[in-house]
Protein backbone atom coordinates (compact mmCIF):
# COMPACT_ATOMS: atom_id res chain seq x y z
CA UNK A 1 55.13 -72.33 -39.46
CA UNK A 2 55.42 -70.57 -35.96
CA UNK A 3 53.00 -67.58 -35.85
CA UNK A 4 54.36 -64.13 -35.02
CA UNK A 5 52.71 -62.11 -32.41
CA UNK A 6 53.29 -58.54 -32.82
CA UNK A 7 52.22 -56.01 -30.02
CA UNK A 8 51.32 -52.45 -30.50
CA UNK A 9 53.94 -49.68 -31.23
CA UNK A 10 54.32 -46.45 -28.97
CA UNK A 11 52.67 -44.33 -31.58
CA UNK A 12 49.57 -46.55 -31.95
CA UNK A 13 49.04 -46.56 -28.26
CA UNK A 14 49.49 -43.13 -27.99
CA UNK A 15 46.95 -42.43 -30.91
CA UNK A 16 44.38 -44.65 -29.04
CA UNK A 17 44.82 -43.03 -25.74
CA UNK A 18 44.28 -39.71 -27.47
CA UNK A 19 41.37 -40.72 -29.24
CA UNK A 20 39.98 -42.35 -26.02
CA UNK A 21 40.49 -39.19 -24.09
CA UNK A 22 38.78 -36.92 -26.99
CA UNK A 23 35.84 -39.40 -26.81
CA UNK A 24 35.60 -39.14 -22.98
CA UNK A 25 35.66 -35.37 -23.35
CA UNK A 26 33.16 -35.09 -25.70
CA UNK A 27 30.88 -37.48 -23.54
CA UNK A 28 31.79 -35.32 -20.40
CA UNK A 29 30.85 -32.17 -22.59
CA UNK A 30 27.49 -33.49 -23.60
CA UNK A 31 26.35 -34.93 -20.05
CA UNK A 32 27.37 -31.49 -18.51
CA UNK A 33 25.50 -29.46 -21.34
CA UNK A 34 22.35 -32.07 -20.99
CA UNK A 35 22.55 -31.20 -17.35
CA UNK A 36 22.54 -27.78 -17.52
CA UNK A 37 19.38 -27.89 -20.28
CA UNK A 38 17.83 -29.85 -17.82
CA UNK A 39 18.68 -27.80 -14.94
CA UNK A 40 17.44 -24.34 -17.00
CA UNK A 41 14.39 -26.18 -18.14
CA UNK A 42 13.52 -26.83 -14.41
CA UNK A 43 14.27 -23.16 -13.17
CA UNK A 44 11.82 -22.08 -16.16
CA UNK A 45 9.23 -24.30 -15.02
CA UNK A 46 9.75 -23.14 -11.14
CA UNK A 47 9.76 -19.26 -12.22
CA UNK A 48 6.25 -20.10 -14.34
CA UNK A 49 4.81 -21.99 -11.51
CA UNK A 50 5.41 -18.89 -9.26
CA UNK A 51 4.09 -16.66 -11.50
CA UNK A 52 1.17 -18.57 -11.81
CA UNK A 53 0.85 -18.69 -7.98
CA UNK A 54 1.20 -15.02 -7.48
CA UNK A 55 -1.33 -14.16 -10.42
CA UNK A 56 -3.62 -16.47 -8.63
CA UNK A 57 -3.37 -15.00 -5.27
CA UNK A 58 -3.84 -11.20 -6.68
CA UNK A 59 -6.62 -12.25 -8.79
CA UNK A 60 -8.53 -13.88 -6.04
CA UNK A 61 -7.90 -10.73 -3.72
CA UNK A 62 -8.74 -8.19 -6.47
CA UNK A 63 -11.94 -9.83 -7.73
CA UNK A 64 -13.76 -9.33 -4.40
CA UNK A 65 -13.32 -5.77 -4.13
CA UNK A 66 -15.82 -3.22 -4.17
CA UNK A 67 -15.55 0.07 -6.05
CA UNK A 68 -16.85 3.46 -4.46
CA UNK A 69 -16.58 6.63 -3.03
CA UNK A 70 -14.35 6.25 0.22
CA UNK A 71 -14.65 5.32 2.76
CA UNK A 72 -17.37 3.01 1.33
CA UNK A 73 -15.19 1.65 -1.40
CA UNK A 74 -12.49 -1.24 -0.81
CA UNK A 75 -9.65 0.46 -2.90
CA UNK A 76 -7.90 2.74 -0.27
CA UNK A 77 -4.49 3.88 -2.22
CA UNK A 78 -3.54 2.99 -5.97
CA UNK A 79 -0.09 3.55 -7.40
CA UNK A 80 1.86 1.87 -10.34
CA UNK A 81 3.85 -0.60 -8.02
CA UNK A 82 1.52 -0.75 -5.14
CA UNK A 83 -2.21 -0.94 -4.26
CA UNK A 84 -3.97 -0.83 -0.94
CA UNK A 85 -7.45 -2.32 -0.43
CA UNK A 86 -9.71 -4.08 2.35
CA UNK A 87 -9.31 -7.63 1.73
CA UNK A 88 -12.16 -9.94 2.68
CA UNK A 89 -11.53 -11.99 5.68
CA UNK A 90 -15.04 -13.15 6.15
CA UNK A 91 -18.71 -12.82 5.15
CA UNK A 92 -22.02 -12.77 7.37
CA UNK A 93 -25.43 -12.10 7.23
CA UNK A 94 -28.00 -10.13 9.92
CA UNK A 95 -30.20 -12.24 11.50
CA UNK A 96 -32.54 -9.49 12.74
CA UNK A 97 -32.72 -6.05 12.09
CA UNK A 98 -30.29 -3.68 13.38
CA UNK A 99 -31.25 -2.02 16.66
CA UNK A 100 -29.80 1.29 18.10
CA UNK A 101 -26.14 0.96 17.93
CA UNK A 102 -26.25 -2.86 17.53
CA UNK A 103 -25.83 -4.90 14.29
CA UNK A 104 -27.13 -8.75 15.18
CA UNK A 105 -25.40 -11.19 12.83
CA UNK A 106 -25.85 -14.77 12.54
CA UNK A 107 -22.70 -16.24 14.27
CA UNK A 108 -22.19 -19.06 11.50
CA UNK A 109 -20.16 -17.41 8.62
CA UNK A 110 -20.86 -17.68 5.16
CA UNK A 111 -17.12 -17.27 4.53
CA UNK A 112 -14.33 -17.67 6.71
CA UNK A 113 -13.96 -19.40 9.90
CA UNK A 114 -14.18 -16.83 12.58
CA UNK A 115 -16.15 -13.89 13.77
CA UNK A 116 -15.31 -10.54 13.21
CA UNK A 117 -12.70 -8.72 15.20
CA UNK A 118 -13.80 -5.28 16.26
CA UNK A 119 -10.33 -3.93 17.08
CA UNK A 120 -8.91 -5.13 13.99
CA UNK A 121 -11.68 -5.75 11.13
CA UNK A 122 -13.48 -3.26 8.97
CA UNK A 123 -17.05 -4.00 8.45
CA UNK A 124 -19.02 -3.20 5.36
CA UNK A 125 -22.90 -3.85 5.48
CA UNK A 126 -25.06 -3.84 2.50
CA UNK A 127 -27.86 -1.32 2.44
CA UNK A 128 -30.66 -2.75 0.24
CA UNK A 129 -32.58 0.34 -0.24
CA UNK A 130 -29.50 2.45 -1.23
CA UNK A 131 -27.91 -0.64 -3.12
CA UNK A 132 -24.23 0.42 -1.45
CA UNK A 133 -21.87 -1.05 0.74
CA UNK A 134 -21.47 1.30 4.12
CA UNK A 135 -18.68 1.34 6.45
CA UNK A 136 -19.43 1.14 10.16
CA UNK A 137 -17.00 1.80 13.15
CA UNK A 138 -17.14 -1.49 15.05
CA UNK A 139 -16.50 -0.88 18.74
CA UNK A 140 -17.32 -4.15 20.40
CA UNK A 141 -18.61 -7.63 19.90
CA UNK A 142 -21.22 -9.72 22.01
CA UNK A 143 -21.88 -13.56 21.43
CA UNK A 144 -25.26 -14.69 22.27
CA UNK A 145 -28.42 -16.78 21.13
CA UNK A 146 -30.19 -13.85 19.99
CA UNK A 147 -30.92 -15.16 16.35
CA UNK A 148 -34.28 -16.80 15.73
CA UNK A 149 -34.71 -19.78 17.34
CA UNK A 150 -32.16 -19.44 19.64
CA UNK A 151 -29.24 -19.66 17.09
CA UNK A 152 -25.95 -18.48 18.11
CA UNK A 153 -25.52 -14.92 17.27
CA UNK A 154 -22.70 -12.01 17.33
CA UNK A 155 -24.01 -8.69 18.34
CA UNK A 156 -21.61 -6.17 17.06
CA UNK A 157 -21.59 -2.62 18.81
CA UNK A 158 -20.65 0.43 16.15
CA UNK A 159 -19.92 3.97 16.95
CA UNK A 160 -23.21 5.75 16.66
CA UNK A 161 -26.24 4.78 15.17
CA UNK A 162 -26.47 1.56 13.13
CA UNK A 163 -27.27 1.78 9.61
CA UNK A 164 -31.17 0.78 9.09
CA UNK A 165 -30.88 -3.03 7.85
CA UNK A 166 -33.01 -5.62 7.38
CA UNK A 167 -32.58 -9.44 8.48
CA UNK A 168 -30.52 -11.21 5.81
CA UNK A 169 -28.41 -8.41 4.89
CA UNK A 170 -25.03 -9.15 3.77
CA UNK A 171 -21.99 -8.14 6.35
CA UNK A 172 -18.31 -8.37 4.98
CA UNK A 173 -15.65 -8.35 7.63
CA UNK A 174 -12.16 -7.12 6.02
CA UNK A 175 -8.73 -5.84 6.79
CA UNK A 176 -6.66 -3.36 5.01
CA UNK A 177 -3.99 -4.94 3.13
CA UNK A 178 -1.50 -3.73 0.61
CA UNK A 179 0.32 -5.29 -2.25
CA UNK A 180 3.70 -3.68 -3.11
CA UNK A 181 7.05 -3.95 -4.93
CA UNK A 182 9.73 -3.45 -2.35
CA UNK A 183 13.68 -4.31 -2.04
CA UNK A 184 14.40 -6.89 0.40
CA UNK A 185 17.51 -6.96 2.78
CA UNK A 186 19.32 -9.32 0.31
CA UNK A 187 18.96 -6.67 -2.37
CA UNK A 188 16.61 -8.36 -4.47
CA UNK A 189 13.27 -7.23 -5.64
CA UNK A 190 10.21 -8.90 -4.57
CA UNK A 191 6.39 -8.75 -4.56
CA UNK A 192 4.94 -8.37 -1.00
CA UNK A 193 2.10 -7.94 1.04
CA UNK A 194 1.58 -6.33 4.54
CA UNK A 195 -1.38 -5.57 6.64
CA UNK A 196 -2.90 -2.35 8.32
CA UNK A 197 -2.70 -2.54 12.24
CA UNK A 198 -5.88 -1.03 12.99
CA UNK A 199 -5.82 -0.27 16.56
CA UNK A 200 -2.15 0.92 16.25
CA UNK A 201 -2.60 2.76 13.03
CA UNK A 202 0.69 1.37 11.59
CA UNK A 203 1.49 -1.10 8.90
CA UNK A 204 2.90 -4.75 9.80
CA UNK A 205 6.09 -5.82 8.16
CA UNK A 206 5.95 -6.69 4.49
CA UNK A 207 5.98 -10.25 4.00
CA UNK A 208 7.39 -11.61 0.58
CA UNK A 209 4.86 -13.45 -1.75
CA UNK A 210 6.35 -13.61 -5.09
CA UNK A 211 9.97 -13.31 -6.18
CA UNK A 212 12.75 -12.38 -6.77
CA UNK A 213 11.47 -9.98 -9.62
CA UNK A 214 13.04 -7.29 -11.69
CA UNK A 215 13.08 -3.66 -10.55
CA UNK A 216 9.97 -3.12 -12.36
CA UNK A 217 8.46 -6.38 -11.76
CA UNK A 218 5.34 -5.46 -10.38
CA UNK A 219 3.16 -2.78 -12.40
CA UNK A 220 -0.67 -2.09 -11.83
CA UNK A 221 -3.09 -0.24 -14.31
CA UNK A 222 -6.39 1.14 -13.51
CA UNK A 223 -9.06 1.16 -15.63
CA UNK A 224 -12.75 2.76 -15.85
CA UNK A 225 -15.83 1.05 -16.97
CA UNK A 226 -15.05 3.05 -20.38
CA UNK A 227 -11.74 1.23 -20.55
CA UNK A 228 -9.91 4.67 -20.00
CA UNK A 229 -7.32 5.14 -17.45
CA UNK A 230 -8.19 6.04 -14.10
CA UNK A 231 -6.75 7.38 -10.77
CA UNK A 232 -9.82 7.73 -9.15
CA UNK A 233 -10.90 4.61 -6.71
CA UNK A 234 -14.44 5.35 -7.18
CA UNK A 235 -14.23 4.69 -11.09
CA UNK A 236 -12.14 1.65 -11.31
CA UNK A 237 -13.66 -1.07 -12.84
CA UNK A 238 -10.98 -3.18 -14.01
CA UNK A 239 -6.93 -3.69 -12.84
CA UNK A 240 -4.42 -4.90 -15.00
CA UNK A 241 -1.65 -6.36 -13.42
CA UNK A 242 1.99 -7.35 -15.15
CA UNK A 243 4.49 -9.65 -13.00
CA UNK A 244 8.20 -10.16 -14.29
CA UNK A 245 10.51 -12.51 -12.41
CA UNK A 246 14.11 -13.43 -12.92
CA UNK A 247 15.35 -16.92 -13.08
CA UNK A 248 18.62 -18.36 -11.88
CA UNK A 249 20.20 -17.75 -15.38
CA UNK A 250 19.60 -14.11 -15.28
CA UNK A 251 16.55 -14.40 -17.97
CA UNK A 252 12.95 -13.15 -17.12
CA UNK A 253 9.60 -14.46 -17.63
CA UNK A 254 6.28 -12.29 -17.35
CA UNK A 255 2.64 -12.85 -16.99
CA UNK A 256 -0.18 -10.31 -17.35
CA UNK A 257 -3.49 -10.74 -16.49
CA UNK A 258 -7.05 -8.28 -15.93
CA UNK A 259 -8.97 -8.34 -13.25
CA UNK A 260 -12.62 -7.12 -13.08
CA UNK A 261 -13.93 -5.88 -9.88
CA UNK A 262 -17.11 -7.33 -8.27
CA UNK A 263 -19.20 -4.30 -8.36
CA UNK A 264 -17.97 -2.27 -11.66
CA UNK A 265 -17.92 1.37 -11.64
CA UNK A 266 -19.90 3.01 -14.27
CA UNK A 267 -18.21 6.01 -16.26
């Protein structure tokens, strides 16, 4: 008997097309959802990386601060959303005792890559007999070979009589710096930093460091050695910092750290 070949009916074709369309739609939705989850995960990882980078920068700066009564202490101004301080840019040591109005440094820095800039840097010298750092007003620098053995030297001229320091005393070169919460021209909130221009007495433009953050995305809390909060720069022993960033989906991520200062104040 001859074999009868039967084709698909219109109803069967319609049902097959509908089922195929539904399967394709489900697959597309699954791919789109997976892509969104992937992008969201990458955004969260990026935010966390930025948070950690910002926290590392702040911790490294704050950890080097010395407390004490101004102007010897490094803290200049304290607020909930900003802190101004003398940031270390170089560390040196004297190679001879100070003479008159001159402090003679070994030209080879212990930290940093350049000699102090008298017009911009603030210099503090450690006084061993008094066990404190003293701020000096540097007005000039002369490069020579005045260190023992003819080694390269940097003679710093100061305003007035130089402190009585022996050879080998540490000398820190720093610049006044402020970390602050600010609103950028794009309307977003950022954590930024700006440097004080000493010879003009003004602040330079703020540069973004971490962000965007929430309107309250930076919070400083200052603690004395007895763990009580304080507004006195001379008593600060520890600084608490909270960072809160926003991600692309409107969510937030936060990080809190606590930084003990280099010479923790007592009381």
